[in-house]
Amino acid sequence: MNNSLTYWGYILALIGGILIIVFGLLGLIGASLGSAFSPASHYLTGAMYSIVAIIIGAICIIGSKSVGVLVWAIVLLVLGIVSGGLGGAIVILGALLGLISIFVKSQPK
């Protein structure tokens, strides 16, 4: 059971990281298209959020391989909370599955 929980946590964290990157890229494209009609500060804020979302998504994809490690599960949980949205929620679910698999594995039999 531990192995399947870790596997599903990996899959969810990977899908969530991909979604965060896709939404970040869409936000970056939308911010660049709307820049002609909006003030420069709004463009910079939207572009910075999109770049940060892309970086968070890349970290989630890299960390999804190690969702069965306590440190990475906590890092993915925090990144999912910070990023928010649908991708962040899926990363949170994957990190929680990783944490559950860690704690079930560490209990004495």
N, C-alpha and C. Protein backbone atom coordinates (compact mmCIF):
# COMPACT_ATOMS: atom_id res chain seq x y z
N MET A 1 0.82 -1.20 0.00
CA MET A 1 0.00 0.00 0.00
C MET A 1 0.86 1.26 0.00
N ASN A 2 2.00 1.21 0.71
CA ASN A 2 2.86 2.39 0.76
C ASN A 2 3.35 2.77 -0.62
N ASN A 3 3.73 1.77 -1.39
CA ASN A 3 4.26 2.04 -2.72
C ASN A 3 3.20 2.66 -3.62
N SER A 4 1.96 2.20 -3.51
CA SER A 4 0.91 2.77 -4.36
C SER A 4 0.57 4.20 -3.94
N LEU A 5 0.61 4.49 -2.64
CA LEU A 5 0.36 5.86 -2.19
C LEU A 5 1.45 6.80 -2.69
N THR A 6 2.69 6.34 -2.64
CA THR A 6 3.79 7.16 -3.14
C THR A 6 3.66 7.37 -4.63
N TYR A 7 3.26 6.31 -5.36
CA TYR A 7 3.10 6.42 -6.81
C TYR A 7 2.00 7.41 -7.16
N TRP A 8 0.86 7.32 -6.49
CA TRP A 8 -0.24 8.25 -6.78
C TRP A 8 0.10 9.67 -6.35
N GLY A 9 0.86 9.81 -5.28
CA GLY A 9 1.34 11.13 -4.88
C GLY A 9 2.26 11.72 -5.94
N TYR A 10 3.12 10.87 -6.51
CA TYR A 10 4.01 11.31 -7.60
C TYR A 10 3.20 11.76 -8.80
N ILE A 11 2.21 10.98 -9.19
CA ILE A 11 1.39 11.32 -10.36
C ILE A 11 0.65 12.63 -10.13
N LEU A 12 0.04 12.79 -8.96
CA LEU A 12 -0.71 14.02 -8.67
C LEU A 12 0.21 15.24 -8.62
N ALA A 13 1.36 15.10 -7.98
CA ALA A 13 2.29 16.24 -7.91
C ALA A 13 2.82 16.60 -9.30
N LEU A 14 3.04 15.59 -10.14
CA LEU A 14 3.51 15.85 -11.50
C LEU A 14 2.44 16.57 -12.32
N ILE A 15 1.21 16.09 -12.26
CA ILE A 15 0.12 16.73 -12.99
C ILE A 15 -0.11 18.16 -12.48
N GLY A 16 -0.08 18.34 -11.16
CA GLY A 16 -0.26 19.67 -10.59
C GLY A 16 0.85 20.63 -11.01
N GLY A 17 2.10 20.14 -11.03
CA GLY A 17 3.21 20.98 -11.48
C GLY A 17 3.07 21.38 -12.94
N ILE A 18 2.62 20.44 -13.77
CA ILE A 18 2.40 20.75 -15.18
C ILE A 18 1.30 21.80 -15.33
N LEU A 19 0.22 21.65 -14.56
CA LEU A 19 -0.87 22.63 -14.63
C LEU A 19 -0.43 24.01 -14.16
N ILE A 20 0.40 24.06 -13.13
CA ILE A 20 0.90 25.35 -12.65
C ILE A 20 1.72 26.03 -13.74
N ILE A 21 2.56 25.26 -14.42
CA ILE A 21 3.36 25.84 -15.51
C ILE A 21 2.47 26.31 -16.65
N VAL A 22 1.47 25.49 -17.02
CA VAL A 22 0.58 25.88 -18.12
C VAL A 22 -0.18 27.15 -17.77
N PHE A 23 -0.72 27.23 -16.55
CA PHE A 23 -1.45 28.43 -16.16
C PHE A 23 -0.52 29.63 -16.04
N GLY A 24 0.73 29.41 -15.62
CA GLY A 24 1.70 30.50 -15.58
C GLY A 24 2.03 31.01 -16.98
N LEU A 25 2.19 30.09 -17.93
CA LEU A 25 2.45 30.51 -19.31
C LEU A 25 1.25 31.24 -19.90
N LEU A 26 0.05 30.75 -19.62
CA LEU A 26 -1.15 31.44 -20.10
C LEU A 26 -1.27 32.83 -19.48
N GLY A 27 -0.93 32.95 -18.21
CA GLY A 27 -0.95 34.25 -17.57
C GLY A 27 0.09 35.19 -18.15
N LEU A 28 1.25 34.64 -18.50
CA LEU A 28 2.30 35.46 -19.11
C LEU A 28 1.88 35.93 -20.50
N ILE A 29 1.25 35.06 -21.26
CA ILE A 29 0.76 35.45 -22.58
C ILE A 29 -0.36 36.48 -22.44
N GLY A 30 -1.26 36.26 -21.50
CA GLY A 30 -2.36 37.20 -21.29
C GLY A 30 -1.87 38.54 -20.80
N ALA A 31 -0.84 38.53 -19.96
CA ALA A 31 -0.30 39.80 -19.46
C ALA A 31 0.40 40.56 -20.58
N SER A 32 1.04 39.84 -21.47
CA SER A 32 1.72 40.54 -22.56
C SER A 32 0.73 41.06 -23.60
N LEU A 33 -0.38 40.36 -23.80
CA LEU A 33 -1.39 40.84 -24.74
C LEU A 33 -2.16 42.03 -24.19
N GLY A 34 -2.35 42.06 -22.89
CA GLY A 34 -3.09 43.16 -22.30
C GLY A 34 -2.25 44.36 -21.94
N SER A 35 -0.97 44.30 -22.21
CA SER A 35 -0.09 45.39 -21.77
C SER A 35 -0.31 46.68 -22.54
N ALA A 36 -0.85 46.60 -23.73
CA ALA A 36 -1.08 47.83 -24.49
C ALA A 36 -2.23 48.64 -23.91
N PHE A 37 -3.11 47.99 -23.16
CA PHE A 37 -4.29 48.66 -22.65
C PHE A 37 -4.27 48.85 -21.14
N SER A 38 -3.19 48.44 -20.49
CA SER A 38 -3.12 48.56 -19.04
C SER A 38 -1.86 49.31 -18.63
N PRO A 39 -1.86 49.83 -17.41
CA PRO A 39 -0.66 50.53 -16.93
C PRO A 39 0.52 49.57 -16.80
N ALA A 40 1.71 50.12 -16.82
CA ALA A 40 2.93 49.30 -16.76
C ALA A 40 3.03 48.53 -15.45
N SER A 41 2.57 49.10 -14.36
CA SER A 41 2.67 48.40 -13.08
C SER A 41 1.81 47.14 -13.06
N HIS A 42 0.65 47.21 -13.71
CA HIS A 42 -0.21 46.03 -13.78
C HIS A 42 0.46 44.94 -14.62
N TYR A 43 1.11 45.32 -15.70
CA TYR A 43 1.80 44.36 -16.55
C TYR A 43 2.94 43.70 -15.79
N LEU A 44 3.73 44.48 -15.07
CA LEU A 44 4.86 43.92 -14.33
C LEU A 44 4.40 42.99 -13.22
N THR A 45 3.32 43.35 -12.56
CA THR A 45 2.80 42.49 -11.49
C THR A 45 2.32 41.17 -12.06
N GLY A 46 1.56 41.21 -13.15
CA GLY A 46 1.07 39.99 -13.76
C GLY A 46 2.19 39.14 -14.33
N ALA A 47 3.18 39.77 -14.92
CA ALA A 47 4.30 39.04 -15.48
C ALA A 47 5.14 38.40 -14.38
N MET A 48 5.36 39.10 -13.29
CA MET A 48 6.14 38.54 -12.19
C MET A 48 5.42 37.35 -11.56
N TYR A 49 4.10 37.47 -11.38
CA TYR A 49 3.35 36.34 -10.83
C TYR A 49 3.46 35.14 -11.76
N SER A 50 3.38 35.36 -13.06
CA SER A 50 3.45 34.26 -14.02
C SER A 50 4.84 33.61 -14.00
N ILE A 51 5.88 34.41 -13.90
CA ILE A 51 7.23 33.86 -13.85
C ILE A 51 7.43 33.06 -12.57
N VAL A 52 6.94 33.57 -11.45
CA VAL A 52 7.04 32.84 -10.19
C VAL A 52 6.25 31.54 -10.26
N ALA A 53 5.07 31.57 -10.88
CA ALA A 53 4.27 30.35 -11.03
C ALA A 53 5.00 29.31 -11.88
N ILE A 54 5.66 29.75 -12.93
CA ILE A 54 6.42 28.82 -13.78
C ILE A 54 7.56 28.19 -12.99
N ILE A 55 8.24 28.99 -12.17
CA ILE A 55 9.35 28.47 -11.35
C ILE A 55 8.82 27.48 -10.32
N ILE A 56 7.69 27.81 -9.67
CA ILE A 56 7.10 26.91 -8.69
C ILE A 56 6.67 25.61 -9.35
N GLY A 57 6.09 25.70 -10.54
CA GLY A 57 5.69 24.49 -11.26
C GLY A 57 6.88 23.61 -11.61
N ALA A 58 7.99 24.24 -12.02
CA ALA A 58 9.20 23.46 -12.33
C ALA A 58 9.73 22.76 -11.09
N ILE A 59 9.72 23.44 -9.95
CA ILE A 59 10.17 22.82 -8.71
C ILE A 59 9.24 21.67 -8.32
N CYS A 60 7.95 21.84 -8.54
CA CYS A 60 7.00 20.77 -8.23
C CYS A 60 7.23 19.55 -9.12
N ILE A 61 7.53 19.78 -10.38
CA ILE A 61 7.81 18.65 -11.28
C ILE A 61 9.08 17.93 -10.87
N ILE A 62 10.11 18.68 -10.52
CA ILE A 62 11.36 18.07 -10.07
C ILE A 62 11.16 17.33 -8.76
N GLY A 63 10.43 17.93 -7.83
CA GLY A 63 10.23 17.33 -6.52
C GLY A 63 9.22 16.20 -6.50
N SER A 64 8.43 16.06 -7.55
CA SER A 64 7.43 15.00 -7.56
C SER A 64 8.07 13.62 -7.55
N LYS A 65 9.28 13.51 -8.06
CA LYS A 65 9.99 12.22 -8.05
C LYS A 65 10.29 11.77 -6.62
N SER A 66 10.44 12.72 -5.71
CA SER A 66 10.83 12.41 -4.33
C SER A 66 9.71 12.68 -3.35
N VAL A 67 8.47 12.47 -3.78
CA VAL A 67 7.34 12.77 -2.89
C VAL A 67 7.31 11.83 -1.68
N GLY A 68 8.01 10.71 -1.75
CA GLY A 68 8.07 9.78 -0.64
C GLY A 68 9.11 10.14 0.41
N VAL A 69 9.82 11.24 0.21
CA VAL A 69 10.81 11.74 1.18
C VAL A 69 10.15 12.86 1.97
N LEU A 70 10.34 12.85 3.29
CA LEU A 70 9.64 13.78 4.17
C LEU A 70 9.89 15.24 3.79
N VAL A 71 11.14 15.61 3.55
CA VAL A 71 11.47 17.01 3.24
C VAL A 71 10.79 17.46 1.96
N TRP A 72 10.84 16.62 0.92
CA TRP A 72 10.23 17.00 -0.35
C TRP A 72 8.71 17.04 -0.25
N ALA A 73 8.12 16.16 0.54
CA ALA A 73 6.67 16.19 0.71
C ALA A 73 6.25 17.50 1.37
N ILE A 74 7.01 17.97 2.36
CA ILE A 74 6.69 19.24 3.01
C ILE A 74 6.91 20.41 2.05
N VAL A 75 8.00 20.36 1.28
CA VAL A 75 8.27 21.42 0.30
C VAL A 75 7.15 21.49 -0.72
N LEU A 76 6.70 20.34 -1.22
CA LEU A 76 5.61 20.32 -2.19
C LEU A 76 4.31 20.83 -1.58
N LEU A 77 4.08 20.51 -0.32
CA LEU A 77 2.88 21.00 0.36
C LEU A 77 2.89 22.52 0.44
N VAL A 78 4.02 23.09 0.83
CA VAL A 78 4.14 24.55 0.93
C VAL A 78 4.02 25.21 -0.45
N LEU A 79 4.67 24.62 -1.46
CA LEU A 79 4.58 25.19 -2.81
C LEU A 79 3.16 25.12 -3.36
N GLY A 80 2.45 24.05 -3.05
CA GLY A 80 1.06 23.96 -3.48
C GLY A 80 0.19 25.01 -2.83
N ILE A 81 0.44 25.28 -1.56
CA ILE A 81 -0.32 26.32 -0.86
C ILE A 81 0.02 27.70 -1.43
N VAL A 82 1.30 27.95 -1.70
CA VAL A 82 1.72 29.25 -2.22
C VAL A 82 1.16 29.50 -3.62
N SER A 83 1.21 28.47 -4.47
CA SER A 83 0.78 28.68 -5.85
C SER A 83 -0.72 28.81 -5.97
N GLY A 84 -1.48 28.06 -5.21
CA GLY A 84 -2.93 28.16 -5.26
C GLY A 84 -3.50 27.64 -6.56
N GLY A 85 -4.78 27.79 -6.74
CA GLY A 85 -5.44 27.37 -7.97
C GLY A 85 -5.60 25.87 -8.06
N LEU A 86 -5.99 25.41 -9.23
CA LEU A 86 -6.23 23.99 -9.46
C LEU A 86 -4.94 23.19 -9.39
N GLY A 87 -3.88 23.68 -10.02
CA GLY A 87 -2.60 22.98 -9.98
C GLY A 87 -2.05 22.88 -8.57
N GLY A 88 -2.18 23.95 -7.80
CA GLY A 88 -1.72 23.93 -6.41
C GLY A 88 -2.50 22.94 -5.56
N ALA A 89 -3.81 22.84 -5.79
CA ALA A 89 -4.63 21.89 -5.04
C ALA A 89 -4.22 20.46 -5.36
N ILE A 90 -3.90 20.19 -6.61
CA ILE A 90 -3.49 18.84 -6.98
C ILE A 90 -2.11 18.52 -6.39
N VAL A 91 -1.22 19.50 -6.37
CA VAL A 91 0.09 19.30 -5.74
C VAL A 91 -0.08 19.04 -4.24
N ILE A 92 -0.98 19.76 -3.60
CA ILE A 92 -1.24 19.54 -2.17
C ILE A 92 -1.73 18.12 -1.93
N LEU A 93 -2.64 17.63 -2.77
CA LEU A 93 -3.13 16.26 -2.62
C LEU A 93 -2.00 15.25 -2.79
N GLY A 94 -1.14 15.47 -3.78
CA GLY A 94 0.00 14.58 -3.98
C GLY A 94 0.96 14.60 -2.80
N ALA A 95 1.21 15.78 -2.26
CA ALA A 95 2.10 15.89 -1.09
C ALA A 95 1.49 15.22 0.13
N LEU A 96 0.18 15.36 0.30
CA LEU A 96 -0.48 14.69 1.43
C LEU A 96 -0.42 13.17 1.29
N LEU A 97 -0.58 12.67 0.08
CA LEU A 97 -0.42 11.22 -0.13
C LEU A 97 1.00 10.78 0.17
N GLY A 98 1.99 11.59 -0.21
CA GLY A 98 3.37 11.29 0.12
C GLY A 98 3.61 11.28 1.62
N LEU A 99 3.04 12.24 2.32
CA LEU A 99 3.18 12.29 3.78
C LEU A 99 2.51 11.08 4.44
N ILE A 100 1.34 10.71 3.95
CA ILE A 100 0.65 9.54 4.51
C ILE A 100 1.49 8.29 4.29
N SER A 101 2.06 8.15 3.10
CA SER A 101 2.88 6.96 2.84
C SER A 101 4.12 6.94 3.72
N ILE A 102 4.67 8.10 4.02
CA ILE A 102 5.85 8.17 4.90
C ILE A 102 5.49 7.75 6.31
N PHE A 103 4.38 8.26 6.82
CA PHE A 103 4.00 7.97 8.19
C PHE A 103 3.48 6.55 8.36
N VAL A 104 2.85 5.99 7.35
CA VAL A 104 2.40 4.60 7.43
C VAL A 104 3.61 3.68 7.38
N LYS A 105 4.60 4.03 6.56
CA LYS A 105 5.81 3.21 6.43
C LYS A 105 6.63 3.22 7.72
N SER A 106 6.62 4.34 8.45
CA SER A 106 7.49 4.46 9.61
C SER A 106 6.90 3.87 10.90
N GLN A 107 5.64 3.44 10.87
CA GLN A 107 5.05 2.85 12.07
C GLN A 107 5.59 1.44 12.30
N PRO A 108 5.86 1.10 13.56
CA PRO A 108 6.35 -0.26 13.85
C PRO A 108 5.24 -1.29 13.64
N LYS A 109 5.66 -2.49 13.26
CA LYS A 109 4.68 -3.56 13.01
C LYS A 109 4.68 -4.57 14.12
